[in-house]
């Protein structure tokens, strides 16, 4: 048996947003992120 508060129960009962809704409602939605990939060749390293 697990005992939780009514408030926690109500919070857990609410439907979870799907992934698209989660991303669209993110506070970071308007932040510009540079997703370009570095096109340089590999480099030599000393091990």
PDB file of N, CA and C in Angstrom:
ATOM      1  N   UNK A   1       0.837  -1.154   0.000  1.00  0.00           N
ATOM      2  CA  UNK A   1       0.000   0.000   0.000  1.00  0.00           C
ATOM      3  C   UNK A   1       0.898   1.239   0.000  1.00  0.00           C
ATOM      4  N   UNK A   2       0.490   2.226  -0.785  1.00  0.00           N
ATOM      5  CA  UNK A   2       1.201   3.496  -0.862  1.00  0.00           C
ATOM      6  C   UNK A   2       0.223   4.607  -0.507  1.00  0.00           C
ATOM      7  N   UNK A   3       0.641   5.506   0.348  1.00  0.00           N
ATOM      8  CA  UNK A   3      -0.219   6.614   0.755  1.00  0.00           C
ATOM      9  C   UNK A   3       0.400   7.904   0.222  1.00  0.00           C
ATOM     10  N   UNK A   4      -0.403   8.641  -0.546  1.00  0.00           N
ATOM     11  CA  UNK A   4       0.038   9.936  -1.066  1.00  0.00           C
ATOM     12  C   UNK A   4      -1.064  10.966  -0.815  1.00  0.00           C
ATOM     13  N   UNK A   5      -0.685  12.207  -0.885  1.00  0.00           N
ATOM     14  CA  UNK A   5      -1.667  13.267  -0.653  1.00  0.00           C
ATOM     15  C   UNK A   5      -2.632  13.371  -1.833  1.00  0.00           C
ATOM     16  N   UNK A   6      -3.751  13.950  -1.575  1.00  0.00           N
ATOM     17  CA  UNK A   6      -4.760  14.161  -2.622  1.00  0.00           C
ATOM     18  C   UNK A   6      -4.178  15.027  -3.741  1.00  0.00           C
ATOM     19  N   UNK A   7      -3.423  16.038  -3.362  1.00  0.00           N
ATOM     20  CA  UNK A   7      -2.794  16.939  -4.336  1.00  0.00           C
ATOM     21  C   UNK A   7      -1.848  16.160  -5.270  1.00  0.00           C
ATOM     22  N   UNK A   8      -1.029  15.293  -4.700  1.00  0.00           N
ATOM     23  CA  UNK A   8      -0.126  14.478  -5.524  1.00  0.00           C
ATOM     24  C   UNK A   8      -0.903  13.530  -6.430  1.00  0.00           C
ATOM     25  N   UNK A   9      -1.954  12.949  -5.882  1.00  0.00           N
ATOM     26  CA  UNK A   9      -2.786  12.047  -6.676  1.00  0.00           C
ATOM     27  C   UNK A   9      -3.387  12.770  -7.881  1.00  0.00           C
ATOM     28  N   UNK A  10      -3.934  13.940  -7.659  1.00  0.00           N
ATOM     29  CA  UNK A  10      -4.537  14.703  -8.755  1.00  0.00           C
ATOM     30  C   UNK A  10      -3.492  15.090  -9.796  1.00  0.00           C
ATOM     31  N   UNK A  11      -2.306  15.449  -9.340  1.00  0.00           N
ATOM     32  CA  UNK A  11      -1.233  15.820 -10.257  1.00  0.00           C
ATOM     33  C   UNK A  11      -0.816  14.603 -11.108  1.00  0.00           C
ATOM     34  N   UNK A  12      -0.724  13.448 -10.488  1.00  0.00           N
ATOM     35  CA  UNK A  12      -0.323  12.235 -11.206  1.00  0.00           C
ATOM     36  C   UNK A  12      -1.409  11.725 -12.151  1.00  0.00           C
ATOM     37  N   UNK A  13      -2.635  12.033 -11.848  1.00  0.00           N
ATOM     38  CA  UNK A  13      -3.766  11.581 -12.663  1.00  0.00           C
ATOM     39  C   UNK A  13      -3.911  12.333 -13.968  1.00  0.00           C
ATOM     40  N   UNK A  14      -3.416  13.543 -14.009  1.00  0.00           N
ATOM     41  CA  UNK A  14      -3.573  14.353 -15.210  1.00  0.00           C
ATOM     42  C   UNK A  14      -2.836  13.714 -16.384  1.00  0.00           C
ATOM     43  N   UNK A  15      -3.411  13.808 -17.585  1.00  0.00           N
ATOM     44  CA  UNK A  15      -2.756  13.219 -18.752  1.00  0.00           C
ATOM     45  C   UNK A  15      -1.419  13.897 -19.034  1.00  0.00           C
ATOM     46  N   UNK A  16      -0.481  13.098 -19.454  1.00  0.00           N
ATOM     47  CA  UNK A  16       0.842  13.624 -19.791  1.00  0.00           C
ATOM     48  C   UNK A  16       0.829  14.124 -21.235  1.00  0.00           C
ATOM     49  N   UNK A  17       1.515  15.236 -21.525  1.00  0.00           N
ATOM     50  CA  UNK A  17       1.561  15.718 -22.909  1.00  0.00           C
ATOM     51  C   UNK A  17       2.402  14.772 -23.772  1.00  0.00           C
ATOM     52  N   UNK A  18       2.055  14.692 -25.037  1.00  0.00           N
ATOM     53  CA  UNK A  18       2.895  13.892 -25.919  1.00  0.00           C
ATOM     54  C   UNK A  18       4.173  14.666 -26.218  1.00  0.00           C
ATOM     55  N   UNK A  19       5.112  14.039 -26.870  1.00  0.00           N
ATOM     56  CA  UNK A  19       6.425  14.643 -27.084  1.00  0.00           C
ATOM     57  C   UNK A  19       6.344  15.958 -27.851  1.00  0.00           C
ATOM     58  N   UNK A  20       5.530  16.017 -28.881  1.00  0.00           N
ATOM     59  CA  UNK A  20       5.411  17.234 -29.693  1.00  0.00           C
ATOM     60  C   UNK A  20       4.854  18.378 -28.848  1.00  0.00           C
ATOM     61  N   UNK A  21       3.826  18.118 -28.064  1.00  0.00           N
ATOM     62  CA  UNK A  21       3.261  19.149 -27.195  1.00  0.00           C
ATOM     63  C   UNK A  21       4.293  19.619 -26.172  1.00  0.00           C
ATOM     64  N   UNK A  22       5.049  18.692 -25.646  1.00  0.00           N
ATOM     65  CA  UNK A  22       6.070  19.031 -24.668  1.00  0.00           C
ATOM     66  C   UNK A  22       7.107  19.982 -25.256  1.00  0.00           C
ATOM     67  N   UNK A  23       7.572  19.695 -26.458  1.00  0.00           N
ATOM     68  CA  UNK A  23       8.562  20.544 -27.117  1.00  0.00           C
ATOM     69  C   UNK A  23       7.957  21.905 -27.469  1.00  0.00           C
ATOM     70  N   UNK A  24       6.761  21.911 -27.997  1.00  0.00           N
ATOM     71  CA  UNK A  24       6.110  23.176 -28.386  1.00  0.00           C
ATOM     72  C   UNK A  24       5.830  24.086 -27.196  1.00  0.00           C
ATOM     73  N   UNK A  25       5.594  23.509 -26.045  1.00  0.00           N
ATOM     74  CA  UNK A  25       5.287  24.309 -24.853  1.00  0.00           C
ATOM     75  C   UNK A  25       6.517  24.588 -23.999  1.00  0.00           C
ATOM     76  N   UNK A  26       7.655  24.207 -24.483  1.00  0.00           N
ATOM     77  CA  UNK A  26       8.886  24.408 -23.722  1.00  0.00           C
ATOM     78  C   UNK A  26       9.209  25.893 -23.600  1.00  0.00           C
ATOM     79  N   UNK A  27       9.715  26.319 -22.446  1.00  0.00           N
ATOM     80  CA  UNK A  27      10.136  27.717 -22.306  1.00  0.00           C
ATOM     81  C   UNK A  27      11.350  28.031 -23.185  1.00  0.00           C
ATOM     82  N   UNK A  28      12.009  27.008 -23.679  1.00  0.00           N
ATOM     83  CA  UNK A  28      13.185  27.196 -24.536  1.00  0.00           C
ATOM     84  C   UNK A  28      12.844  27.133 -26.026  1.00  0.00           C
ATOM     85  N   UNK A  29      11.577  27.142 -26.335  1.00  0.00           N
ATOM     86  CA  UNK A  29      11.136  27.014 -27.728  1.00  0.00           C
ATOM     87  C   UNK A  29      11.741  28.091 -28.629  1.00  0.00           C
ATOM     88  N   UNK A  30      11.896  29.296 -28.148  1.00  0.00           N
ATOM     89  CA  UNK A  30      12.365  30.402 -28.973  1.00  0.00           C
ATOM     90  C   UNK A  30      13.877  30.605 -28.924  1.00  0.00           C
ATOM     91  N   UNK A  31      14.584  29.714 -28.263  1.00  0.00           N
ATOM     92  CA  UNK A  31      16.043  29.831 -28.171  1.00  0.00           C
ATOM     93  C   UNK A  31      16.661  29.271 -29.450  1.00  0.00           C
ATOM     94  N   UNK A  32      17.570  30.041 -30.041  1.00  0.00           N
ATOM     95  CA  UNK A  32      18.249  29.574 -31.243  1.00  0.00           C
ATOM     96  C   UNK A  32      19.410  28.670 -30.857  1.00  0.00           C
ATOM     97  N   UNK A  33      19.401  27.474 -31.402  1.00  0.00           N
ATOM     98  CA  UNK A  33      20.468  26.513 -31.143  1.00  0.00           C
ATOM     99  C   UNK A  33      21.127  26.182 -32.470  1.00  0.00           C
ATOM    100  N   UNK A  34      22.433  26.258 -32.491  1.00  0.00           N
ATOM    101  CA  UNK A  34      23.182  25.937 -33.701  1.00  0.00           C
ATOM    102  C   UNK A  34      23.347  24.424 -33.786  1.00  0.00           C
ATOM    103  N   UNK A  35      22.634  23.798 -34.713  1.00  0.00           N
ATOM    104  CA  UNK A  35      22.683  22.352 -34.863  1.00  0.00           C
ATOM    105  C   UNK A  35      23.540  21.913 -36.050  1.00  0.00           C
ATOM    106  N   UNK A  36      24.303  22.847 -36.606  1.00  0.00           N
ATOM    107  CA  UNK A  36      25.166  22.467 -37.720  1.00  0.00           C
ATOM    108  C   UNK A  36      26.321  21.622 -37.212  1.00  0.00           C
ATOM    109  N   UNK A  37      26.730  20.721 -38.055  1.00  0.00           N
ATOM    110  CA  UNK A  37      27.783  19.797 -37.679  1.00  0.00           C
ATOM    111  C   UNK A  37      29.131  20.283 -38.177  1.00  0.00           C
ATOM    112  N   UNK A  38      30.146  20.093 -37.388  1.00  0.00           N
ATOM    113  CA  UNK A  38      31.500  20.467 -37.779  1.00  0.00           C
ATOM    114  C   UNK A  38      31.948  19.564 -38.931  1.00  0.00           C
ATOM    115  N   UNK A  39      32.301  20.155 -40.059  1.00  0.00           N
ATOM    116  CA  UNK A  39      32.662  19.394 -41.247  1.00  0.00           C
ATOM    117  C   UNK A  39      34.162  19.192 -41.400  1.00  0.00           C
ATOM    118  N   UNK A  40      34.952  19.596 -40.407  1.00  0.00           N
ATOM    119  CA  UNK A  40      36.389  19.442 -40.499  1.00  0.00           C
ATOM    120  C   UNK A  40      36.784  17.965 -40.441  1.00  0.00           C
ATOM    121  N   UNK A  41      37.959  17.694 -40.977  1.00  0.00           N
ATOM    122  CA  UNK A  41      38.464  16.325 -40.978  1.00  0.00           C
ATOM    123  C   UNK A  41      38.920  15.930 -39.586  1.00  0.00           C
ATOM    124  N   UNK A  42      39.173  14.646 -39.412  1.00  0.00           N
ATOM    125  CA  UNK A  42      39.651  14.186 -38.099  1.00  0.00           C
ATOM    126  C   UNK A  42      41.042  14.724 -37.849  1.00  0.00           C
ATOM    127  N   UNK A  43      41.449  14.693 -36.641  1.00  0.00           N
ATOM    128  CA  UNK A  43      42.764  15.224 -36.300  1.00  0.00           C
ATOM    129  C   UNK A  43      43.603  14.146 -35.644  1.00  0.00           C
ATOM    130  N   UNK A  44      44.882  14.304 -35.730  1.00  0.00           N
ATOM    131  CA  UNK A  44      45.826  13.380 -35.110  1.00  0.00           C
ATOM    132  C   UNK A  44      46.032  13.787 -33.649  1.00  0.00           C
ATOM    133  N   UNK A  45      46.084  12.812 -32.780  1.00  0.00           N
ATOM    134  CA  UNK A  45      46.367  13.083 -31.370  1.00  0.00           C
ATOM    135  C   UNK A  45      47.440  12.133 -30.886  1.00  0.00           C
ATOM    136  N   UNK A  46      48.199  12.549 -29.905  1.00  0.00           N
ATOM    137  CA  UNK A  46      49.219  11.697 -29.280  1.00  0.00           C
ATOM    138  C   UNK A  46      48.587  11.010 -28.083  1.00  0.00           C
ATOM    139  N   UNK A  47      48.718   9.696 -28.052  1.00  0.00           N
ATOM    140  CA  UNK A  47      48.166   8.961 -26.924  1.00  0.00           C
ATOM    141  C   UNK A  47      49.253   8.577 -25.951  1.00  0.00           C
TER     142      UNK A  47
END
